[in-house]
PDB file of N, CA and C in Angstrom:
ATOM      1  N   MET A   1       7.774  41.547 -96.905  1.00  0.00           N
ATOM      2  CA  MET A   1       6.955  42.626 -97.139  1.00  0.00           C
ATOM      3  C   MET A   1       7.218  42.979 -98.555  1.00  0.00           C
ATOM      4  N   PHE A   2       6.093  43.224 -99.404  1.00  0.00           N
ATOM      5  CA  PHE A   2       6.211  43.482-100.739  1.00  0.00           C
ATOM      6  C   PHE A   2       5.785  44.801-100.990  1.00  0.00           C
ATOM      7  N   SER A   3       6.405  45.556-101.840  1.00  0.00           N
ATOM      8  CA  SER A   3       6.184  46.924-102.326  1.00  0.00           C
ATOM      9  C   SER A   3       6.214  46.978-103.789  1.00  0.00           C
ATOM     10  N   GLN A   4       6.097  48.259-104.287  1.00  0.00           N
ATOM     11  CA  GLN A   4       5.972  48.324-105.694  1.00  0.00           C
ATOM     12  C   GLN A   4       7.299  48.043-106.249  1.00  0.00           C
ATOM     13  N   SER A   5       8.329  48.246-105.597  1.00  0.00           N
ATOM     14  CA  SER A   5       9.848  48.240-106.146  1.00  0.00           C
ATOM     15  C   SER A   5      10.548  47.067-105.587  1.00  0.00           C
ATOM     16  N   ARG A   6      10.152  46.398-104.442  1.00  0.00           N
ATOM     17  CA  ARG A   6      10.905  45.436-103.917  1.00  0.00           C
ATOM     18  C   ARG A   6      10.230  44.260-102.985  1.00  0.00           C
ATOM     19  N   ALA A   7      10.700  43.170-102.631  1.00  0.00           N
ATOM     20  CA  ALA A   7      10.332  42.392-101.639  1.00  0.00           C
ATOM     21  C   ALA A   7      11.334  42.407-100.397  1.00  0.00           C
ATOM     22  N   ARG A   8      11.051  42.720 -99.390  1.00  0.00           N
ATOM     23  CA  ARG A   8      12.048  42.869 -98.320  1.00  0.00           C
ATOM     24  C   ARG A   8      11.764  42.024 -97.209  1.00  0.00           C
ATOM     25  N   LEU A   9      12.718  41.290 -96.573  1.00  0.00           N
ATOM     26  CA  LEU A   9      12.559  40.480 -95.380  1.00  0.00           C
ATOM     27  C   LEU A   9      12.254  41.365 -94.296  1.00  0.00           C
ATOM     28  N   ALA A  10      11.064  41.436 -93.531  1.00  0.00           N
ATOM     29  CA  ALA A  10      10.813  42.414 -92.623  1.00  0.00           C
ATOM     30  C   ALA A  10      11.587  41.991 -91.255  1.00  0.00           C
ATOM     31  N   ALA A  11      12.057  40.795 -91.078  1.00  0.00           N
ATOM     32  CA  ALA A  11      12.874  40.296 -90.005  1.00  0.00           C
ATOM     33  C   ALA A  11      13.799  39.241 -90.649  1.00  0.00           C
ATOM     34  N   PRO A  12      14.731  38.974 -90.156  1.00  0.00           N
ATOM     35  CA  PRO A  12      15.755  37.949 -90.583  1.00  0.00           C
ATOM     36  C   PRO A  12      14.979  36.709 -90.744  1.00  0.00           C
ATOM     37  N   LEU A  13      15.366  35.877 -91.761  1.00  0.00           N
ATOM     38  CA  LEU A  13      14.779  34.586 -92.092  1.00  0.00           C
ATOM     39  C   LEU A  13      15.827  33.597 -91.573  1.00  0.00           C
ATOM     40  N   PHE A  14      15.529  32.679 -90.652  1.00  0.00           N
ATOM     41  CA  PHE A  14      16.395  31.788 -90.053  1.00  0.00           C
ATOM     42  C   PHE A  14      16.032  30.383 -90.881  1.00  0.00           C
ATOM     43  N   ILE A  15      16.853  29.593 -91.318  1.00  0.00           N
ATOM     44  CA  ILE A  15      16.763  28.353 -91.676  1.00  0.00           C
ATOM     45  C   ILE A  15      17.861  27.422 -91.014  1.00  0.00           C
ATOM     46  N   ASP A  16      17.226  26.325 -90.351  1.00  0.00           N
ATOM     47  CA  ASP A  16      18.106  25.641 -89.455  1.00  0.00           C
ATOM     48  C   ASP A  16      18.016  24.109 -90.016  1.00  0.00           C
ATOM     49  N   THR A  17      19.100  23.551 -90.122  1.00  0.00           N
ATOM     50  CA  THR A  17      19.299  22.287 -90.646  1.00  0.00           C
ATOM     51  C   THR A  17      20.201  21.374 -89.741  1.00  0.00           C
ATOM     52  N   ASN A  18      20.329  20.005 -90.024  1.00  0.00           N
ATOM     53  CA  ASN A  18      21.330  19.344 -89.194  1.00  0.00           C
ATOM     54  C   ASN A  18      22.660  19.683 -89.637  1.00  0.00           C
ATOM     55  N   ALA A  19      22.980  20.271 -90.679  1.00  0.00           N
ATOM     56  CA  ALA A  19      24.354  20.491 -91.103  1.00  0.00           C
ATOM     57  C   ALA A  19      24.674  22.102 -90.825  1.00  0.00           C
ATOM     58  N   ALA A  20      23.821  22.919 -90.802  1.00  0.00           N
ATOM     59  CA  ALA A  20      23.973  24.401 -90.606  1.00  0.00           C
ATOM     60  C   ALA A  20      22.864  25.128 -90.126  1.00  0.00           C
ATOM     61  N   LYS A  21      23.287  26.516 -89.893  1.00  0.00           N
ATOM     62  CA  LYS A  21      22.168  27.304 -89.470  1.00  0.00           C
ATOM     63  C   LYS A  21      22.394  28.596 -90.404  1.00  0.00           C
ATOM     64  N   MET A  22      21.329  29.114 -90.935  1.00  0.00           N
ATOM     65  CA  MET A  22      21.515  30.161 -91.815  1.00  0.00           C
ATOM     66  C   MET A  22      20.521  31.388 -91.324  1.00  0.00           C
ATOM     67  N   LYS A  23      21.106  32.669 -91.584  1.00  0.00           N
ATOM     68  CA  LYS A  23      20.253  33.725 -91.300  1.00  0.00           C
ATOM     69  C   LYS A  23      20.432  34.651 -92.545  1.00  0.00           C
ATOM     70  N   TRP A  24      19.202  34.931 -93.048  1.00  0.00           N
ATOM     71  CA  TRP A  24      19.059  35.761 -94.402  1.00  0.00           C
ATOM     72  C   TRP A  24      18.476  36.993 -94.089  1.00  0.00           C
ATOM     73  N   ILE A  25      19.050  38.049 -94.538  1.00  0.00           N
ATOM     74  CA  ILE A  25      18.565  39.429 -94.211  1.00  0.00           C
ATOM     75  C   ILE A  25      18.698  40.272 -95.678  1.00  0.00           C
ATOM     76  N   GLY A  26      17.740  41.153 -95.897  1.00  0.00           N
ATOM     77  CA  GLY A  26      17.967  41.894 -97.200  1.00  0.00           C
ATOM     78  C   GLY A  26      16.623  42.104 -97.925  1.00  0.00           C
ATOM     79  N   GLN A  27      16.732  42.190 -99.208  1.00  0.00           N
ATOM     80  CA  GLN A  27      15.606  42.392-100.123  1.00  0.00           C
ATOM     81  C   GLN A  27      16.064  41.946-101.469  1.00  0.00           C
ATOM     82  N   ILE A  28      14.962  41.557-102.289  1.00  0.00           N
ATOM     83  CA  ILE A  28      14.985  41.521-103.745  1.00  0.00           C
ATOM     84  C   ILE A  28      14.237  42.464-104.475  1.00  0.00           C
ATOM     85  N   ASN A  29      14.944  43.246-105.248  1.00  0.00           N
ATOM     86  CA  ASN A  29      14.423  44.457-106.115  1.00  0.00           C
ATOM     87  C   ASN A  29      13.683  43.887-107.301  1.00  0.00           C
ATOM     88  N   LYS A  30      12.568  44.562-107.687  1.00  0.00           N
ATOM     89  CA  LYS A  30      11.849  44.223-108.767  1.00  0.00           C
ATOM     90  C   LYS A  30      12.315  44.951-109.962  1.00  0.00           C
ATOM     91  N   ASN A  31      12.062  44.328-111.148  1.00  0.00           N
ATOM     92  CA  ASN A  31      12.661  44.865-112.534  1.00  0.00           C
ATOM     93  C   ASN A  31      11.371  45.799-113.087  1.00  0.00           C
ATOM     94  N   SER A  32      11.528  46.422-114.223  1.00  0.00           N
ATOM     95  CA  SER A  32      10.609  47.330-114.664  1.00  0.00           C
ATOM     96  C   SER A  32       9.208  46.768-114.910  1.00  0.00           C
ATOM     97  N   ARG A  33       9.238  45.452-115.098  1.00  0.00           N
ATOM     98  CA  ARG A  33       7.992  44.718-115.253  1.00  0.00           C
ATOM     99  C   ARG A  33       7.083  44.149-113.891  1.00  0.00           C
ATOM    100  N   GLY A  34       7.891  44.674-112.869  1.00  0.00           N
ATOM    101  CA  GLY A  34       7.383  44.254-111.575  1.00  0.00           C
ATOM    102  C   GLY A  34       7.628  42.915-110.998  1.00  0.00           C
ATOM    103  N   GLU A  35       8.595  42.186-111.723  1.00  0.00           N
ATOM    104  CA  GLU A  35       9.050  40.801-111.274  1.00  0.00           C
ATOM    105  C   GLU A  35      10.256  40.915-110.471  1.00  0.00           C
ATOM    106  N   LEU A  36      10.200  39.953-109.530  1.00  0.00           N
ATOM    107  CA  LEU A  36      11.500  39.890-108.621  1.00  0.00           C
ATOM    108  C   LEU A  36      12.655  39.589-109.475  1.00  0.00           C
ATOM    109  N   ALA A  37      13.812  40.435-109.382  1.00  0.00           N
ATOM    110  CA  ALA A  37      14.831  40.130-110.243  1.00  0.00           C
ATOM    111  C   ALA A  37      16.168  40.385-109.548  1.00  0.00           C
ATOM    112  N   ASN A  38      16.579  41.442-108.645  1.00  0.00           N
ATOM    113  CA  ASN A  38      17.870  41.859-108.483  1.00  0.00           C
ATOM    114  C   ASN A  38      18.065  41.392-106.986  1.00  0.00           C
ATOM    115  N   LEU A  39      18.962  40.752-106.538  1.00  0.00           N
ATOM    116  CA  LEU A  39      19.264  40.289-105.168  1.00  0.00           C
ATOM    117  C   LEU A  39      20.208  41.333-104.520  1.00  0.00           C
ATOM    118  N   ASP A  40      19.645  41.552-103.269  1.00  0.00           N
ATOM    119  CA  ASP A  40      20.464  42.398-102.242  1.00  0.00           C
ATOM    120  C   ASP A  40      20.217  41.825-100.952  1.00  0.00           C
ATOM    121  N   LEU A  41      20.946  40.818-100.743  1.00  0.00           N
ATOM    122  CA  LEU A  41      20.924  40.046 -99.410  1.00  0.00           C
ATOM    123  C   LEU A  41      22.289  39.620 -98.694  1.00  0.00           C
ATOM    124  N   SER A  42      22.043  39.332 -97.593  1.00  0.00           N
ATOM    125  CA  SER A  42      23.445  39.001 -96.808  1.00  0.00           C
ATOM    126  C   SER A  42      22.900  37.592 -96.193  1.00  0.00           C
ATOM    127  N   LEU A  43      23.922  36.791 -96.063  1.00  0.00           N
ATOM    128  CA  LEU A  43      23.732  35.529 -95.378  1.00  0.00           C
ATOM    129  C   LEU A  43      24.817  35.084 -94.421  1.00  0.00           C
ATOM    130  N   ASP A  44      24.386  34.847 -93.085  1.00  0.00           N
ATOM    131  CA  ASP A  44      25.234  34.393 -92.089  1.00  0.00           C
ATOM    132  C   ASP A  44      25.154  32.913 -92.022  1.00  0.00           C
ATOM    133  N   LEU A  45      26.100  32.206 -92.198  1.00  0.00           N
ATOM    134  CA  LEU A  45      26.008  30.780 -92.154  1.00  0.00           C
ATOM    135  C   LEU A  45      26.795  30.168 -91.102  1.00  0.00           C
ATOM    136  N   ARG A  46      26.382  29.236 -90.369  1.00  0.00           N
ATOM    137  CA  ARG A  46      27.136  28.600 -89.381  1.00  0.00           C
ATOM    138  C   ARG A  46      27.099  27.092 -89.510  1.00  0.00           C
ATOM    139  N   VAL A  47      28.214  26.566 -89.961  1.00  0.00           N
ATOM    140  CA  VAL A  47      28.249  25.130 -90.070  1.00  0.00           C
ATOM    141  C   VAL A  47      28.543  24.505 -88.744  1.00  0.00           C
ATOM    142  N   ARG A  48      27.613  23.315 -88.698  1.00  0.00           N
ATOM    143  CA  ARG A  48      27.709  22.746 -87.271  1.00  0.00           C
ATOM    144  C   ARG A  48      28.754  21.795 -87.141  1.00  0.00           C
ATOM    145  N   ILE A  49      30.043  22.163 -87.271  1.00  0.00           N
ATOM    146  CA  ILE A  49      31.267  21.349 -87.021  1.00  0.00           C
ATOM    147  C   ILE A  49      31.306  21.047 -85.523  1.00  0.00           C
ATOM    148  N   GLY A  50      31.393  21.918 -84.645  1.00  0.00           N
ATOM    149  CA  GLY A  50      31.589  21.583 -83.234  1.00  0.00           C
ATOM    150  C   GLY A  50      30.558  20.743 -82.641  1.00  0.00           C
ATOM    151  N   GLU A  51      29.317  20.924 -83.009  1.00  0.00           N
ATOM    152  CA  GLU A  51      28.275  20.198 -82.398  1.00  0.00           C
ATOM    153  C   GLU A  51      28.290  18.739 -82.814  1.00  0.00           C
ATOM    154  N   ASN A  52      28.762  18.391 -84.161  1.00  0.00           N
ATOM    155  CA  ASN A  52      28.754  17.183 -84.683  1.00  0.00           C
ATOM    156  C   ASN A  52      30.083  16.420 -84.381  1.00  0.00           C
ATOM    157  N   ILE A  53      31.070  16.954 -83.753  1.00  0.00           N
ATOM    158  CA  ILE A  53      32.458  16.311 -83.611  1.00  0.00           C
ATOM    159  C   ILE A  53      32.195  15.063 -82.888  1.00  0.00           C
ATOM    160  N   PRO A  54      31.501  14.831 -81.770  1.00  0.00           N
ATOM    161  CA  PRO A  54      31.126  13.755 -80.923  1.00  0.00           C
ATOM    162  C   PRO A  54      30.655  12.686 -81.882  1.00  0.00           C
ATOM    163  N   TRP A  55      29.557  13.005 -82.807  1.00  0.00           N
ATOM    164  CA  TRP A  55      29.042  11.895 -83.605  1.00  0.00           C
ATOM    165  C   TRP A  55      30.121  11.412 -84.688  1.00  0.00           C
ATOM    166  N   TYR A  56      30.815  12.227 -85.218  1.00  0.00           N
ATOM    167  CA  TYR A  56      31.864  11.865 -86.183  1.00  0.00           C
ATOM    168  C   TYR A  56      32.883  10.925 -85.326  1.00  0.00           C
ATOM    169  N   ALA A  57      33.286  11.282 -84.195  1.00  0.00           N
ATOM    170  CA  ALA A  57      34.255  10.498 -83.407  1.00  0.00           C
ATOM    171  C   ALA A  57      33.546   9.069 -83.110  1.00  0.00           C
ATOM    172  N   ALA A  58      32.216   9.014 -82.636  1.00  0.00           N
ATOM    173  CA  ALA A  58      31.659   7.840 -82.312  1.00  0.00           C
ATOM    174  C   ALA A  58      31.784   6.849 -83.519  1.00  0.00           C
ATOM    175  N   VAL A  59      31.235   7.404 -84.799  1.00  0.00           N
ATOM    176  CA  VAL A  59      31.252   6.599 -85.965  1.00  0.00           C
ATOM    177  C   VAL A  59      32.588   6.070 -86.460  1.00  0.00           C
ATOM    178  N   LEU A  60      33.725   6.977 -86.289  1.00  0.00           N
ATOM    179  CA  LEU A  60      34.859   6.626 -86.746  1.00  0.00           C
ATOM    180  C   LEU A  60      35.845   5.867 -85.652  1.00  0.00           C
ATOM    181  N   GLY A  61      35.719   6.385 -84.373  1.00  0.00           N
ATOM    182  CA  GLY A  61      36.569   5.631 -83.501  1.00  0.00           C
ATOM    183  C   GLY A  61      36.009   4.911 -82.195  1.00  0.00           C
ATOM    184  N   GLY A  62      34.654   4.971 -82.049  1.00  0.00           N
ATOM    185  CA  GLY A  62      34.149   4.382 -80.873  1.00  0.00           C
ATOM    186  C   GLY A  62      34.118   5.296 -79.677  1.00  0.00           C
ATOM    187  N   ILE A  63      33.871   4.707 -78.615  1.00  0.00           N
ATOM    188  CA  ILE A  63      33.709   5.224 -77.242  1.00  0.00           C
ATOM    189  C   ILE A  63      34.855   6.086 -76.914  1.00  0.00           C
ATOM    190  N   PRO A  64      36.095   5.570 -76.953  1.00  0.00           N
ATOM    191  CA  PRO A  64      37.204   6.361 -76.483  1.00  0.00           C
ATOM    192  C   PRO A  64      37.357   7.605 -77.327  1.00  0.00           C
ATOM    193  N   ALA A  65      36.994   7.515 -78.639  1.00  0.00           N
ATOM    194  CA  ALA A  65      37.219   8.711 -79.486  1.00  0.00           C
ATOM    195  C   ALA A  65      36.295   9.805 -78.972  1.00  0.00           C
ATOM    196  N   VAL A  66      35.074   9.296 -78.607  1.00  0.00           N
ATOM    197  CA  VAL A  66      33.879  10.104 -78.167  1.00  0.00           C
ATOM    198  C   VAL A  66      34.464  11.176 -76.985  1.00  0.00           C
ATOM    199  N   ALA A  67      34.966  10.172 -76.093  1.00  0.00           N
ATOM    200  CA  ALA A  67      35.466  11.031 -74.879  1.00  0.00           C
ATOM    201  C   ALA A  67      36.514  11.984 -75.219  1.00  0.00           C
ATOM    202  N   GLY A  68      37.659  11.663 -76.044  1.00  0.00           N
ATOM    203  CA  GLY A  68      38.542  12.457 -76.427  1.00  0.00           C
ATOM    204  C   GLY A  68      37.914  13.770 -77.304  1.00  0.00           C
ATOM    205  N   SER A  69      36.928  13.558 -78.169  1.00  0.00           N
ATOM    206  CA  SER A  69      36.451  14.706 -78.857  1.00  0.00           C
ATOM    207  C   SER A  69      35.697  15.591 -78.161  1.00  0.00           C
ATOM    208  N   ALA A  70      35.064  15.025 -76.936  1.00  0.00           N
ATOM    209  CA  ALA A  70      34.300  16.009 -76.048  1.00  0.00           C
ATOM    210  C   ALA A  70      35.198  16.949 -75.392  1.00  0.00           C
ATOM    211  N   ILE A  71      36.366  16.453 -74.855  1.00  0.00           N
ATOM    212  CA  ILE A  71      37.310  17.386 -74.271  1.00  0.00           C
ATOM    213  C   ILE A  71      38.023  18.272 -75.282  1.00  0.00           C
ATOM    214  N   ILE A  72      38.243  17.731 -76.498  1.00  0.00           N
ATOM    215  CA  ILE A  72      38.812  18.749 -77.586  1.00  0.00           C
ATOM    216  C   ILE A  72      37.904  19.755 -77.847  1.00  0.00           C
ATOM    217  N   SER A  73      36.397  19.305 -77.950  1.00  0.00           N
ATOM    218  CA  SER A  73      35.455  20.456 -78.130  1.00  0.00           C
ATOM    219  C   SER A  73      35.328  21.577 -77.172  1.00  0.00           C
ATOM    220  N   GLU A  74      35.342  21.045 -75.874  1.00  0.00           N
ATOM    221  CA  GLU A  74      35.461  22.010 -74.847  1.00  0.00           C
ATOM    222  C   GLU A  74      36.602  23.041 -74.848  1.00  0.00           C
ATOM    223  N   ILE A  75      37.743  22.560 -75.020  1.00  0.00           N
ATOM    224  CA  ILE A  75      39.003  23.364 -74.998  1.00  0.00           C
ATOM    225  C   ILE A  75      39.011  24.282 -76.253  1.00  0.00           C
ATOM    226  N   PHE A  76      38.524  23.815 -77.347  1.00  0.00           N
ATOM    227  CA  PHE A  76      38.703  24.619 -78.598  1.00  0.00           C
ATOM    228  C   PHE A  76      37.332  25.182 -79.113  1.00  0.00           C
ATOM    229  N   GLU A  77      36.299  25.175 -78.199  1.00  0.00           N
ATOM    230  CA  GLU A  77      35.033  25.551 -78.572  1.00  0.00           C
ATOM    231  C   GLU A  77      34.924  26.953 -79.342  1.00  0.00           C
ATOM    232  N   ASN A  78      35.524  27.889 -78.899  1.00  0.00           N
ATOM    233  CA  ASN A  78      35.612  29.294 -79.475  1.00  0.00           C
ATOM    234  C   ASN A  78      36.154  29.227 -80.875  1.00  0.00           C
ATOM    235  N   ASN A  79      37.372  28.601 -80.927  1.00  0.00           N
ATOM    236  CA  ASN A  79      38.066  28.537 -82.289  1.00  0.00           C
ATOM    237  C   ASN A  79      37.266  27.687 -83.094  1.00  0.00           C
ATOM    238  N   ILE A  80      36.678  26.651 -82.968  1.00  0.00           N
ATOM    239  CA  ILE A  80      35.864  26.041 -83.775  1.00  0.00           C
ATOM    240  C   ILE A  80      34.726  26.684 -84.188  1.00  0.00           C
ATOM    241  N   ASP A  81      34.037  27.450 -83.257  1.00  0.00           N
ATOM    242  CA  ASP A  81      32.940  28.191 -83.740  1.00  0.00           C
ATOM    243  C   ASP A  81      33.395  29.303 -84.747  1.00  0.00           C
ATOM    244  N   ASP A  82      34.565  30.022 -84.572  1.00  0.00           N
ATOM    245  CA  ASP A  82      35.244  30.921 -85.450  1.00  0.00           C
ATOM    246  C   ASP A  82      35.336  30.389 -86.818  1.00  0.00           C
ATOM    247  N   LEU A  83      35.921  29.210 -86.772  1.00  0.00           N
ATOM    248  CA  LEU A  83      36.214  28.494 -88.149  1.00  0.00           C
ATOM    249  C   LEU A  83      35.032  28.045 -88.924  1.00  0.00           C
ATOM    250  N   SER A  84      33.997  27.871 -88.134  1.00  0.00           N
ATOM    251  CA  SER A  84      32.621  27.452 -88.786  1.00  0.00           C
ATOM    252  C   SER A  84      31.535  28.440 -89.100  1.00  0.00           C
ATOM    253  N   ASN A  85      31.970  29.745 -88.843  1.00  0.00           N
ATOM    254  CA  ASN A  85      31.070  30.973 -89.156  1.00  0.00           C
ATOM    255  C   ASN A  85      31.363  31.613 -90.527  1.00  0.00           C
ATOM    256  N   TYR A  86      30.528  31.907 -91.315  1.00  0.00           N
ATOM    257  CA  TYR A  86      30.854  32.516 -92.585  1.00  0.00           C
ATOM    258  C   TYR A  86      29.855  33.489 -92.932  1.00  0.00           C
ATOM    259  N   GLN A  87      30.125  34.661 -93.547  1.00  0.00           N
ATOM    260  CA  GLN A  87      29.247  35.666 -93.944  1.00  0.00           C
ATOM    261  C   GLN A  87      29.387  35.888 -95.446  1.00  0.00           C
ATOM    262  N   TYR A  88      28.335  35.918 -96.116  1.00  0.00           N
ATOM    263  CA  TYR A  88      28.335  36.153 -97.657  1.00  0.00           C
ATOM    264  C   TYR A  88      27.305  37.354 -97.988  1.00  0.00           C
ATOM    265  N   GLU A  89      27.588  37.900 -99.108  1.00  0.00           N
ATOM    266  CA  GLU A  89      27.001  38.973 -99.752  1.00  0.00           C
ATOM    267  C   GLU A  89      26.376  38.265-101.025  1.00  0.00           C
ATOM    268  N   VAL A  90      25.013  38.340-100.992  1.00  0.00           N
ATOM    269  CA  VAL A  90      24.344  37.645-102.269  1.00  0.00           C
ATOM    270  C   VAL A  90      23.782  38.783-103.234  1.00  0.00           C
ATOM    271  N   SER A  91      24.282  39.034-104.308  1.00  0.00           N
ATOM    272  CA  SER A  91      23.831  39.993-105.378  1.00  0.00           C
ATOM    273  C   SER A  91      23.566  39.393-106.636  1.00  0.00           C
ATOM    274  N   GLY A  92      23.249  40.424-107.513  1.00  0.00           N
ATOM    275  CA  GLY A  92      23.137  39.880-108.956  1.00  0.00           C
ATOM    276  C   GLY A  92      21.704  39.526-109.299  1.00  0.00           C
ATOM    277  N   MET A  93      21.350  38.990-110.328  1.00  0.00           N
ATOM    278  CA  MET A  93      20.121  38.523-110.902  1.00  0.00           C
ATOM    279  C   MET A  93      19.601  37.446-110.146  1.00  0.00           C
ATOM    280  N   LEU A  94      18.390  37.252-110.054  1.00  0.00           N
ATOM    281  CA  LEU A  94      17.649  36.056-109.466  1.00  0.00           C
ATOM    282  C   LEU A  94      18.058  34.793-110.079  1.00  0.00           C
ATOM    283  N   ASP A  95      18.165  34.816-111.543  1.00  0.00           N
ATOM    284  CA  ASP A  95      18.456  33.761-112.252  1.00  0.00           C
ATOM    285  C   ASP A  95      20.037  33.308-112.333  1.00  0.00           C
ATOM    286  N   ALA A  96      20.825  34.371-111.881  1.00  0.00           N
ATOM    287  CA  ALA A  96      22.385  34.087-111.819  1.00  0.00           C
ATOM    288  C   ALA A  96      22.858  34.803-110.660  1.00  0.00           C
ATOM    289  N   PRO A  97      22.753  34.184-109.519  1.00  0.00           N
ATOM    290  CA  PRO A  97      23.290  35.120-108.182  1.00  0.00           C
ATOM    291  C   PRO A  97      24.667  35.082-108.186  1.00  0.00           C
ATOM    292  N   LYS A  98      25.151  36.207-107.611  1.00  0.00           N
ATOM    293  CA  LYS A  98      26.755  36.336-107.160  1.00  0.00           C
ATOM    294  C   LYS A  98      26.915  36.133-105.729  1.00  0.00           C
ATOM    295  N   ILE A  99      27.533  35.271-105.387  1.00  0.00           N
ATOM    296  CA  ILE A  99      27.935  35.052-103.854  1.00  0.00           C
ATOM    297  C   ILE A  99      29.171  35.258-103.587  1.00  0.00           C
ATOM    298  N   LYS A 100      29.401  36.455-102.629  1.00  0.00           N
ATOM    299  CA  LYS A 100      30.837  36.917-102.340  1.00  0.00           C
ATOM    300  C   LYS A 100      31.098  36.605-100.843  1.00  0.00           C
ATOM    301  N   ARG A 101      32.000  36.025-100.438  1.00  0.00           N
ATOM    302  CA  ARG A 101      32.420  35.726 -98.980  1.00  0.00           C
ATOM    303  C   ARG A 101      33.100  37.137 -98.525  1.00  0.00           C
ATOM    304  N   ILE A 102      32.392  37.505 -97.388  1.00  0.00           N
ATOM    305  CA  ILE A 102      32.707  38.791 -96.881  1.00  0.00           C
ATOM    306  C   ILE A 102      33.569  38.617 -95.532  1.00  0.00           C
ATOM    307  N   ASN A 103      33.830  37.415 -95.011  1.00  0.00           N
ATOM    308  CA  ASN A 103      34.649  37.266 -93.834  1.00  0.00           C
ATOM    309  C   ASN A 103      35.176  35.813 -93.968  1.00  0.00           C
TER     310      ASN A 103
END
């Protein structure tokens, strides 16, 4: 949504890739000339480590490694998810963003 003073994401923007899932929330404020300039966003990033462990095992170790990695993934699923989730605050100017990890 665009207004006189900012561009705001009306709903979270989700970007899904093979390596990660991203959720963007927030707005970009306009400068005195009406140009998008000042970032006020948050980013939730989930790196797909747990989902890709069997693929890594298959490439590196073959079928026995796949079976072992499946068991390990099930046992440590919550811990792997906790280790692969990150939250960032994105601020600063559009041409020089400042990214700060908040968890």
